[in-house]
C-alpha atoms as a PDB file:
ATOM      1  CA  UNK A   1     365.691 -38.746-238.485  1.00  0.00           C
ATOM      2  CA  UNK A   2     366.408 -35.800-236.164  1.00  0.00           C
ATOM      3  CA  UNK A   3     363.658 -34.281-234.053  1.00  0.00           C
ATOM      4  CA  UNK A   4     363.101 -31.368-231.697  1.00  0.00           C
ATOM      5  CA  UNK A   5     360.636 -32.026-228.872  1.00  0.00           C
ATOM      6  CA  UNK A   6     358.578 -29.151-227.482  1.00  0.00           C
ATOM      7  CA  UNK A   7     356.769 -29.069-224.148  1.00  0.00           C
ATOM      8  CA  UNK A   8     358.947 -31.590-222.350  1.00  0.00           C
ATOM      9  CA  UNK A   9     356.874 -31.729-219.172  1.00  0.00           C
ATOM     10  CA  UNK A  10     359.188 -34.046-217.215  1.00  0.00           C
ATOM     11  CA  UNK A  11     359.633 -31.624-214.324  1.00  0.00           C
ATOM     12  CA  UNK A  12     355.918 -30.862-213.839  1.00  0.00           C
ATOM     13  CA  UNK A  13     355.094 -33.988-211.835  1.00  0.00           C
ATOM     14  CA  UNK A  14     355.538 -37.747-211.995  1.00  0.00           C
ATOM     15  CA  UNK A  15     352.602 -38.354-214.327  1.00  0.00           C
ATOM     16  CA  UNK A  16     354.156 -36.000-216.869  1.00  0.00           C
ATOM     17  CA  UNK A  17     357.499 -37.703-216.274  1.00  0.00           C
ATOM     18  CA  UNK A  18     355.896 -41.031-217.223  1.00  0.00           C
ATOM     19  CA  UNK A  19     354.579 -39.434-220.434  1.00  0.00           C
ATOM     20  CA  UNK A  20     358.003 -38.214-221.465  1.00  0.00           C
ATOM     21  CA  UNK A  21     359.757 -41.458-220.523  1.00  0.00           C
ATOM     22  CA  UNK A  22     357.391 -43.381-222.769  1.00  0.00           C
ATOM     23  CA  UNK A  23     357.727 -40.835-225.572  1.00  0.00           C
ATOM     24  CA  UNK A  24     361.522 -40.862-225.579  1.00  0.00           C
ATOM     25  CA  UNK A  25     361.729 -44.657-225.319  1.00  0.00           C
ATOM     26  CA  UNK A  26     359.434 -45.017-228.330  1.00  0.00           C
ATOM     27  CA  UNK A  27     361.396 -42.470-230.365  1.00  0.00           C
ATOM     28  CA  UNK A  28     364.606 -44.332-229.570  1.00  0.00           C
ATOM     29  CA  UNK A  29     363.058 -47.606-230.732  1.00  0.00           C
ATOM     30  CA  UNK A  30     362.168 -45.938-234.045  1.00  0.00           C
ATOM     31  CA  UNK A  31     365.739 -44.698-234.510  1.00  0.00           C
ATOM     32  CA  UNK A  32     364.844 -41.019-233.993  1.00  0.00           C
ATOM     33  CA  UNK A  33     367.577 -38.777-232.598  1.00  0.00           C
ATOM     34  CA  UNK A  34     366.155 -36.112-230.298  1.00  0.00           C
ATOM     35  CA  UNK A  35     368.549 -33.198-230.737  1.00  0.00           C
ATOM     36  CA  UNK A  36     366.740 -30.777-228.423  1.00  0.00           C
ATOM     37  CA  UNK A  37     364.222 -30.986-225.571  1.00  0.00           C
ATOM     38  CA  UNK A  38     362.335 -27.788-224.813  1.00  0.00           C
ATOM     39  CA  UNK A  39     360.531 -27.306-221.541  1.00  0.00           C
ATOM     40  CA  UNK A  40     357.143 -25.629-221.192  1.00  0.00           C
ATOM     41  CA  UNK A  41     356.954 -21.904-221.775  1.00  0.00           C
ATOM     42  CA  UNK A  42     358.003 -19.290-224.266  1.00  0.00           C
ATOM     43  CA  UNK A  43     361.592 -18.985-225.398  1.00  0.00           C
ATOM     44  CA  UNK A  44     362.312 -15.285-226.064  1.00  0.00           C
ATOM     45  CA  UNK A  45     365.386 -16.282-228.107  1.00  0.00           C
ATOM     46  CA  UNK A  46     363.354 -18.455-230.479  1.00  0.00           C
ATOM     47  CA  UNK A  47     364.216 -18.104-234.153  1.00  0.00           C
ATOM     48  CA  UNK A  48     362.242 -20.101-236.696  1.00  0.00           C
ATOM     49  CA  UNK A  49     365.270 -20.832-238.872  1.00  0.00           C
ATOM     50  CA  UNK A  50     366.784 -22.864-236.022  1.00  0.00           C
ATOM     51  CA  UNK A  51     364.073 -25.461-236.589  1.00  0.00           C
ATOM     52  CA  UNK A  52     365.939 -26.457-239.766  1.00  0.00           C
ATOM     53  CA  UNK A  53     368.438 -28.371-237.639  1.00  0.00           C
ATOM     54  CA  UNK A  54     365.797 -31.097-237.425  1.00  0.00           C
ATOM     55  CA  UNK A  55     363.672 -33.106-239.838  1.00  0.00           C
ATOM     56  CA  UNK A  56     360.678 -33.181-237.519  1.00  0.00           C
ATOM     57  CA  UNK A  57     359.048 -31.133-234.774  1.00  0.00           C
ATOM     58  CA  UNK A  58     357.202 -33.026-232.041  1.00  0.00           C
ATOM     59  CA  UNK A  59     354.893 -31.103-229.707  1.00  0.00           C
ATOM     60  CA  UNK A  60     353.638 -32.831-226.577  1.00  0.00           C
ATOM     61  CA  UNK A  61     350.320 -31.063-226.152  1.00  0.00           C
ATOM     62  CA  UNK A  62     349.446 -32.127-222.613  1.00  0.00           C
ATOM     63  CA  UNK A  63     348.276 -29.387-220.309  1.00  0.00           C
ATOM     64  CA  UNK A  64     348.843 -26.516-222.702  1.00  0.00           C
ATOM     65  CA  UNK A  65     346.773 -26.178-225.830  1.00  0.00           C
ATOM     66  CA  UNK A  66     343.490 -24.692-224.733  1.00  0.00           C
ATOM     67  CA  UNK A  67     341.623 -21.380-224.591  1.00  0.00           C
ATOM     68  CA  UNK A  68     344.132 -19.621-226.838  1.00  0.00           C
ATOM     69  CA  UNK A  69     346.204 -18.104-224.066  1.00  0.00           C
ATOM     70  CA  UNK A  70     349.843 -17.139-224.581  1.00  0.00           C
ATOM     71  CA  UNK A  71     351.573 -20.547-224.283  1.00  0.00           C
ATOM     72  CA  UNK A  72     349.387 -22.355-226.850  1.00  0.00           C
ATOM     73  CA  UNK A  73     349.789 -19.416-229.239  1.00  0.00           C
ATOM     74  CA  UNK A  74     353.546 -19.989-228.927  1.00  0.00           C
ATOM     75  CA  UNK A  75     353.196 -23.624-229.998  1.00  0.00           C
ATOM     76  CA  UNK A  76     350.842 -22.633-232.808  1.00  0.00           C
ATOM     77  CA  UNK A  77     353.550 -20.334-234.168  1.00  0.00           C
ATOM     78  CA  UNK A  78     356.078 -23.180-234.075  1.00  0.00           C
ATOM     79  CA  UNK A  79     353.667 -25.378-236.065  1.00  0.00           C
ATOM     80  CA  UNK A  80     353.252 -22.683-238.717  1.00  0.00           C
ATOM     81  CA  UNK A  81     356.990 -21.966-238.916  1.00  0.00           C
ATOM     82  CA  UNK A  82     357.890 -25.645-239.171  1.00  0.00           C
ATOM     83  CA  UNK A  83     355.485 -26.235-242.045  1.00  0.00           C
ATOM     84  CA  UNK A  84     356.837 -23.196-243.912  1.00  0.00           C
ATOM     85  CA  UNK A  85     360.297 -24.750-243.608  1.00  0.00           C
ATOM     86  CA  UNK A  86     359.049 -28.062-244.987  1.00  0.00           C
ATOM     87  CA  UNK A  87     359.465 -30.017-241.736  1.00  0.00           C
ATOM     88  CA  UNK A  88     357.289 -32.836-240.504  1.00  0.00           C
ATOM     89  CA  UNK A  89     355.086 -31.803-237.578  1.00  0.00           C
ATOM     90  CA  UNK A  90     353.624 -34.109-234.953  1.00  0.00           C
ATOM     91  CA  UNK A  91     351.174 -32.692-232.433  1.00  0.00           C
ATOM     92  CA  UNK A  92     350.554 -35.535-229.994  1.00  0.00           C
ATOM     93  CA  UNK A  93     348.991 -36.378-226.639  1.00  0.00           C
ATOM     94  CA  UNK A  94     347.078 -33.148-226.675  1.00  0.00           C
ATOM     95  CA  UNK A  95     343.936 -31.534-225.434  1.00  0.00           C
ATOM     96  CA  UNK A  96     342.554 -28.919-227.835  1.00  0.00           C
ATOM     97  CA  UNK A  97     339.805 -26.702-226.499  1.00  0.00           C
ATOM     98  CA  UNK A  98     338.546 -23.312-227.682  1.00  0.00           C
ATOM     99  CA  UNK A  99     341.642 -22.536-229.702  1.00  0.00           C
ATOM    100  CA  UNK A 100     341.581 -19.943-232.485  1.00  0.00           C
ATOM    101  CA  UNK A 101     341.814 -21.756-235.820  1.00  0.00           C
ATOM    102  CA  UNK A 102     342.959 -19.359-238.535  1.00  0.00           C
ATOM    103  CA  UNK A 103     343.279 -20.633-242.142  1.00  0.00           C
ATOM    104  CA  UNK A 104     347.079 -20.890-242.001  1.00  0.00           C
ATOM    105  CA  UNK A 105     346.953 -23.082-238.893  1.00  0.00           C
ATOM    106  CA  UNK A 106     344.206 -25.282-240.330  1.00  0.00           C
ATOM    107  CA  UNK A 107     346.202 -25.925-243.495  1.00  0.00           C
ATOM    108  CA  UNK A 108     349.361 -26.608-241.488  1.00  0.00           C
ATOM    109  CA  UNK A 109     347.578 -29.135-239.278  1.00  0.00           C
ATOM    110  CA  UNK A 110     345.898 -30.834-242.232  1.00  0.00           C
ATOM    111  CA  UNK A 111     349.436 -31.596-243.422  1.00  0.00           C
ATOM    112  CA  UNK A 112     350.619 -32.764-239.975  1.00  0.00           C
ATOM    113  CA  UNK A 113     350.040 -35.729-237.683  1.00  0.00           C
ATOM    114  CA  UNK A 114     347.615 -34.858-234.883  1.00  0.00           C
ATOM    115  CA  UNK A 115     346.765 -37.108-231.947  1.00  0.00           C
ATOM    116  CA  UNK A 116     344.458 -36.194-229.045  1.00  0.00           C
ATOM    117  CA  UNK A 117     343.453 -37.975-225.836  1.00  0.00           C
ATOM    118  CA  UNK A 118     339.668 -37.770-226.048  1.00  0.00           C
ATOM    119  CA  UNK A 119     336.838 -37.219-228.478  1.00  0.00           C
ATOM    120  CA  UNK A 120     335.951 -33.655-227.475  1.00  0.00           C
ATOM    121  CA  UNK A 121     339.361 -32.413-228.635  1.00  0.00           C
ATOM    122  CA  UNK A 122     339.179 -34.619-231.729  1.00  0.00           C
ATOM    123  CA  UNK A 123     335.870 -33.035-232.690  1.00  0.00           C
ATOM    124  CA  UNK A 124     337.455 -29.573-232.548  1.00  0.00           C
ATOM    125  CA  UNK A 125     339.876 -30.715-235.262  1.00  0.00           C
ATOM    126  CA  UNK A 126     337.339 -32.729-237.241  1.00  0.00           C
ATOM    127  CA  UNK A 127     335.163 -29.616-237.496  1.00  0.00           C
ATOM    128  CA  UNK A 128     337.967 -28.073-239.579  1.00  0.00           C
ATOM    129  CA  UNK A 129     338.675 -31.143-241.707  1.00  0.00           C
ATOM    130  CA  UNK A 130     341.784 -32.127-239.732  1.00  0.00           C
ATOM    131  CA  UNK A 131     342.224 -35.897-239.364  1.00  0.00           C
ATOM    132  CA  UNK A 132     342.952 -36.118-235.640  1.00  0.00           C
ATOM    133  CA  UNK A 133     343.542 -39.547-234.135  1.00  0.00           C
ATOM    134  CA  UNK A 134     342.564 -40.520-230.587  1.00  0.00           C
ATOM    135  CA  UNK A 135     344.989 -42.271-228.249  1.00  0.00           C
ATOM    136  CA  UNK A 136     345.110 -42.649-224.493  1.00  0.00           C
ATOM    137  CA  UNK A 137     347.428 -40.386-222.537  1.00  0.00           C
ATOM    138  CA  UNK A 138     350.965 -41.694-222.999  1.00  0.00           C
ATOM    139  CA  UNK A 139     351.379 -42.278-219.270  1.00  0.00           C
ATOM    140  CA  UNK A 140     349.020 -45.252-219.576  1.00  0.00           C
ATOM    141  CA  UNK A 141     351.581 -47.065-221.701  1.00  0.00           C
ATOM    142  CA  UNK A 142     354.343 -46.548-219.139  1.00  0.00           C
ATOM    143  CA  UNK A 143     353.452 -49.579-217.067  1.00  0.00           C
ATOM    144  CA  UNK A 144     355.721 -50.031-214.040  1.00  0.00           C
ATOM    145  CA  UNK A 145     357.381 -53.407-213.412  1.00  0.00           C
ATOM    146  CA  UNK A 146     355.425 -55.932-211.387  1.00  0.00           C
ATOM    147  CA  UNK A 147     356.701 -56.047-207.819  1.00  0.00           C
ATOM    148  CA  UNK A 148     356.044 -58.202-204.793  1.00  0.00           C
ATOM    149  CA  UNK A 149     354.071 -55.963-202.503  1.00  0.00           C
ATOM    150  CA  UNK A 150     352.392 -56.345-199.174  1.00  0.00           C
ATOM    151  CA  UNK A 151     348.692 -55.667-199.426  1.00  0.00           C
ATOM    152  CA  UNK A 152     347.582 -52.722-197.328  1.00  0.00           C
ATOM    153  CA  UNK A 153     344.040 -52.155-198.504  1.00  0.00           C
ATOM    154  CA  UNK A 154     342.591 -48.657-198.173  1.00  0.00           C
ATOM    155  CA  UNK A 155     338.855 -48.219-198.599  1.00  0.00           C
ATOM    156  CA  UNK A 156     339.165 -44.734-200.106  1.00  0.00           C
ATOM    157  CA  UNK A 157     342.020 -42.331-200.754  1.00  0.00           C
ATOM    158  CA  UNK A 158     341.984 -38.634-201.649  1.00  0.00           C
ATOM    159  CA  UNK A 159     344.266 -37.267-204.338  1.00  0.00           C
ATOM    160  CA  UNK A 160     344.988 -33.699-205.399  1.00  0.00           C
ATOM    161  CA  UNK A 161     342.722 -31.170-207.089  1.00  0.00           C
ATOM    162  CA  UNK A 162     343.073 -28.395-209.618  1.00  0.00           C
ATOM    163  CA  UNK A 163     341.196 -25.605-207.860  1.00  0.00           C
ATOM    164  CA  UNK A 164     339.167 -27.210-205.083  1.00  0.00           C
ATOM    165  CA  UNK A 165     340.204 -25.742-201.742  1.00  0.00           C
ATOM    166  CA  UNK A 166     337.752 -27.414-199.327  1.00  0.00           C
ATOM    167  CA  UNK A 167     338.748 -31.046-199.839  1.00  0.00           C
ATOM    168  CA  UNK A 168     339.932 -33.375-197.092  1.00  0.00           C
ATOM    169  CA  UNK A 169     343.654 -33.756-196.534  1.00  0.00           C
ATOM    170  CA  UNK A 170     345.426 -35.175-199.573  1.00  0.00           C
ATOM    171  CA  UNK A 171     346.504 -38.772-198.996  1.00  0.00           C
ATOM    172  CA  UNK A 172     348.098 -39.644-202.334  1.00  0.00           C
ATOM    173  CA  UNK A 173     349.729 -37.153-204.688  1.00  0.00           C
ATOM    174  CA  UNK A 174     351.300 -37.439-208.133  1.00  0.00           C
ATOM    175  CA  UNK A 175     353.338 -34.406-207.108  1.00  0.00           C
ATOM    176  CA  UNK A 176     355.165 -36.514-204.522  1.00  0.00           C
ATOM    177  CA  UNK A 177     354.866 -40.197-205.411  1.00  0.00           C
ATOM    178  CA  UNK A 178     356.493 -41.903-208.387  1.00  0.00           C
ATOM    179  CA  UNK A 179     354.296 -43.198-211.198  1.00  0.00           C
ATOM    180  CA  UNK A 180     354.990 -46.779-210.160  1.00  0.00           C
ATOM    181  CA  UNK A 181     354.212 -46.068-206.513  1.00  0.00           C
ATOM    182  CA  UNK A 182     350.915 -44.390-207.419  1.00  0.00           C
ATOM    183  CA  UNK A 183     349.776 -47.456-209.342  1.00  0.00           C
ATOM    184  CA  UNK A 184     351.046 -49.841-206.675  1.00  0.00           C
ATOM    185  CA  UNK A 185     349.110 -48.046-203.918  1.00  0.00           C
ATOM    186  CA  UNK A 186     345.949 -47.706-206.008  1.00  0.00           C
ATOM    187  CA  UNK A 187     345.915 -51.428-206.774  1.00  0.00           C
ATOM    188  CA  UNK A 188     345.229 -51.884-203.055  1.00  0.00           C
ATOM    189  CA  UNK A 189     342.679 -49.057-202.849  1.00  0.00           C
ATOM    190  CA  UNK A 190     338.933 -49.514-203.051  1.00  0.00           C
ATOM    191  CA  UNK A 191     338.054 -46.022-204.321  1.00  0.00           C
ATOM    192  CA  UNK A 192     339.967 -42.897-205.292  1.00  0.00           C
ATOM    193  CA  UNK A 193     338.866 -39.240-205.497  1.00  0.00           C
ATOM    194  CA  UNK A 194     340.981 -36.767-207.471  1.00  0.00           C
ATOM    195  CA  UNK A 195     340.969 -33.756-209.749  1.00  0.00           C
ATOM    196  CA  UNK A 196     344.300 -34.511-211.416  1.00  0.00           C
ATOM    197  CA  UNK A 197     344.352 -35.989-214.907  1.00  0.00           C
ATOM    198  CA  UNK A 198     347.347 -38.227-214.351  1.00  0.00           C
ATOM    199  CA  UNK A 199     346.109 -39.384-210.969  1.00  0.00           C
ATOM    200  CA  UNK A 200     342.956 -40.485-212.794  1.00  0.00           C
ATOM    201  CA  UNK A 201     345.099 -42.367-215.304  1.00  0.00           C
ATOM    202  CA  UNK A 202     347.105 -43.996-212.510  1.00  0.00           C
ATOM    203  CA  UNK A 203     343.824 -45.207-211.004  1.00  0.00           C
ATOM    204  CA  UNK A 204     342.714 -46.601-214.354  1.00  0.00           C
ATOM    205  CA  UNK A 205     346.065 -48.366-214.756  1.00  0.00           C
ATOM    206  CA  UNK A 206     345.491 -49.900-211.307  1.00  0.00           C
ATOM    207  CA  UNK A 207     341.844 -50.694-212.108  1.00  0.00           C
ATOM    208  CA  UNK A 208     340.743 -48.629-209.125  1.00  0.00           C
ATOM    209  CA  UNK A 209     337.342 -46.885-209.399  1.00  0.00           C
ATOM    210  CA  UNK A 210     337.976 -43.147-209.541  1.00  0.00           C
ATOM    211  CA  UNK A 211     335.744 -40.119-208.992  1.00  0.00           C
ATOM    212  CA  UNK A 212     337.170 -37.043-210.707  1.00  0.00           C
ATOM    213  CA  UNK A 213     336.606 -33.336-210.517  1.00  0.00           C
ATOM    214  CA  UNK A 214     336.840 -31.362-213.725  1.00  0.00           C
ATOM    215  CA  UNK A 215     340.152 -29.730-214.521  1.00  0.00           C
ATOM    216  CA  UNK A 216     340.706 -26.478-216.432  1.00  0.00           C
ATOM    217  CA  UNK A 217     339.783 -28.387-219.605  1.00  0.00           C
ATOM    218  CA  UNK A 218     337.462 -31.244-220.545  1.00  0.00           C
ATOM    219  CA  UNK A 219     340.265 -33.835-220.498  1.00  0.00           C
ATOM    220  CA  UNK A 220     339.093 -35.706-217.369  1.00  0.00           C
ATOM    221  CA  UNK A 221     335.452 -36.268-218.254  1.00  0.00           C
ATOM    222  CA  UNK A 222     336.538 -36.569-221.890  1.00  0.00           C
ATOM    223  CA  UNK A 223     338.084 -39.965-221.168  1.00  0.00           C
ATOM    224  CA  UNK A 224     334.739 -41.316-219.955  1.00  0.00           C
ATOM    225  CA  UNK A 225     332.886 -39.866-222.942  1.00  0.00           C
ATOM    226  CA  UNK A 226     335.382 -41.378-225.368  1.00  0.00           C
ATOM    227  CA  UNK A 227     335.024 -44.796-223.745  1.00  0.00           C
ATOM    228  CA  UNK A 228     331.239 -44.455-223.846  1.00  0.00           C
ATOM    229  CA  UNK A 229     330.770 -45.111-220.140  1.00  0.00           C
ATOM    230  CA  UNK A 230     328.453 -43.461-217.640  1.00  0.00           C
ATOM    231  CA  UNK A 231     330.855 -42.654-214.811  1.00  0.00           C
ATOM    232  CA  UNK A 232     330.128 -39.817-212.351  1.00  0.00           C
ATOM    233  CA  UNK A 233     332.294 -36.722-212.007  1.00  0.00           C
ATOM    234  CA  UNK A 234     331.903 -33.265-210.458  1.00  0.00           C
ATOM    235  CA  UNK A 235     332.799 -29.649-211.179  1.00  0.00           C
ATOM    236  CA  UNK A 236     336.183 -28.348-210.040  1.00  0.00           C
ATOM    237  CA  UNK A 237     334.567 -26.298-207.264  1.00  0.00           C
ATOM    238  CA  UNK A 238     332.393 -29.133-205.964  1.00  0.00           C
ATOM    239  CA  UNK A 239     331.388 -28.880-202.319  1.00  0.00           C
ATOM    240  CA  UNK A 240     332.649 -31.259-199.668  1.00  0.00           C
ATOM    241  CA  UNK A 241     329.108 -32.637-199.470  1.00  0.00           C
ATOM    242  CA  UNK A 242     329.395 -33.841-203.056  1.00  0.00           C
ATOM    243  CA  UNK A 243     332.761 -35.421-202.306  1.00  0.00           C
ATOM    244  CA  UNK A 244     331.320 -37.210-199.293  1.00  0.00           C
ATOM    245  CA  UNK A 245     328.793 -38.874-201.605  1.00  0.00           C
ATOM    246  CA  UNK A 246     331.405 -39.870-204.170  1.00  0.00           C
ATOM    247  CA  UNK A 247     331.930 -43.424-202.910  1.00  0.00           C
ATOM    248  CA  UNK A 248     328.217 -44.213-203.111  1.00  0.00           C
ATOM    249  CA  UNK A 249     328.192 -42.910-206.676  1.00  0.00           C
ATOM    250  CA  UNK A 250     331.177 -45.096-207.561  1.00  0.00           C
ATOM    251  CA  UNK A 251     329.562 -48.177-206.045  1.00  0.00           C
ATOM    252  CA  UNK A 252     326.472 -47.651-208.204  1.00  0.00           C
ATOM    253  CA  UNK A 253     328.668 -47.361-211.311  1.00  0.00           C
ATOM    254  CA  UNK A 254     330.721 -50.508-210.654  1.00  0.00           C
ATOM    255  CA  UNK A 255     329.822 -52.090-213.983  1.00  0.00           C
ATOM    256  CA  UNK A 256     330.753 -48.915-215.864  1.00  0.00           C
ATOM    257  CA  UNK A 257     334.237 -48.967-214.344  1.00  0.00           C
ATOM    258  CA  UNK A 258     334.717 -52.531-215.542  1.00  0.00           C
ATOM    259  CA  UNK A 259     333.736 -51.384-219.048  1.00  0.00           C
ATOM    260  CA  UNK A 260     336.158 -48.448-218.870  1.00  0.00           C
ATOM    261  CA  UNK A 261     339.143 -50.520-217.732  1.00  0.00           C
ATOM    262  CA  UNK A 262     338.478 -53.207-220.346  1.00  0.00           C
ATOM    263  CA  UNK A 263     338.116 -50.585-223.080  1.00  0.00           C
ATOM    264  CA  UNK A 264     341.388 -48.925-222.083  1.00  0.00           C
ATOM    265  CA  UNK A 265     343.237 -52.247-222.072  1.00  0.00           C
ATOM    266  CA  UNK A 266     342.064 -52.860-225.632  1.00  0.00           C
ATOM    267  CA  UNK A 267     343.190 -49.495-227.008  1.00  0.00           C
ATOM    268  CA  UNK A 268     346.199 -49.659-229.353  1.00  0.00           C
ATOM    269  CA  UNK A 269     349.441 -48.428-227.880  1.00  0.00           C
ATOM    270  CA  UNK A 270     350.594 -45.104-229.303  1.00  0.00           C
ATOM    271  CA  UNK A 271     353.809 -45.417-231.289  1.00  0.00           C
ATOM    272  CA  UNK A 272     355.714 -43.468-233.896  1.00  0.00           C
ATOM    273  CA  UNK A 273     356.370 -46.704-235.809  1.00  0.00           C
ATOM    274  CA  UNK A 274     355.246 -46.118-239.374  1.00  0.00           C
ATOM    275  CA  UNK A 275     354.653 -42.415-238.721  1.00  0.00           C
ATOM    276  CA  UNK A 276     358.109 -40.915-238.686  1.00  0.00           C
END
């Protein structure tokens, strides 16, 4: 089996890098040869017929497929072209929010494998009769090796945000730290405040209570809704006053965090085994 991967997000930050490392390791285990890795963005030299070099098209949907702007429309065209050429299409690890669903796309996706990260995106597909599956973000399955570490407990750390400009100084950033380092630090952290999706996932991997701000999609709060837990979050432009009260909110929701972490541990690991 030969595959072309679209939206290789390795260079975005270390959470995305963890996603792609897990994806490629799983494809290798299934005997899939990745003949091309395409980075985010539109390729002006794209020609549909070139897809025929592969048997399958895999689109990593993280960060891109929402609100029908130009980049998601580009991936939609690839899906349509691939189906016309008789190729297998896998749209995985995606958010899907307020996308235009024309009849051709709906039929193409009904005949494809679709996997989303939370129930809000799944419902968008289900509304059109598309059998979308729900899996955790692939970064969650990229567990770093266990290391001997010296405990240096922090009561609360601040991560990075999508739009918020009034937050305290960032203390831990997925843009700078490796995936393993993020999890290692958060294991020794009492509480974490962030607006970044993969920083939230790093906290969950470390079983560290996390207070999130909304991103440009519903993917952050969507995790909590999918797990069926009542965990507080705030809008992306939340005031510093709201952030100052975040720890108290997390303390009150302690039991809900335990439910979330247990639920995530019990979710089946995403794999292409039996799919490709």
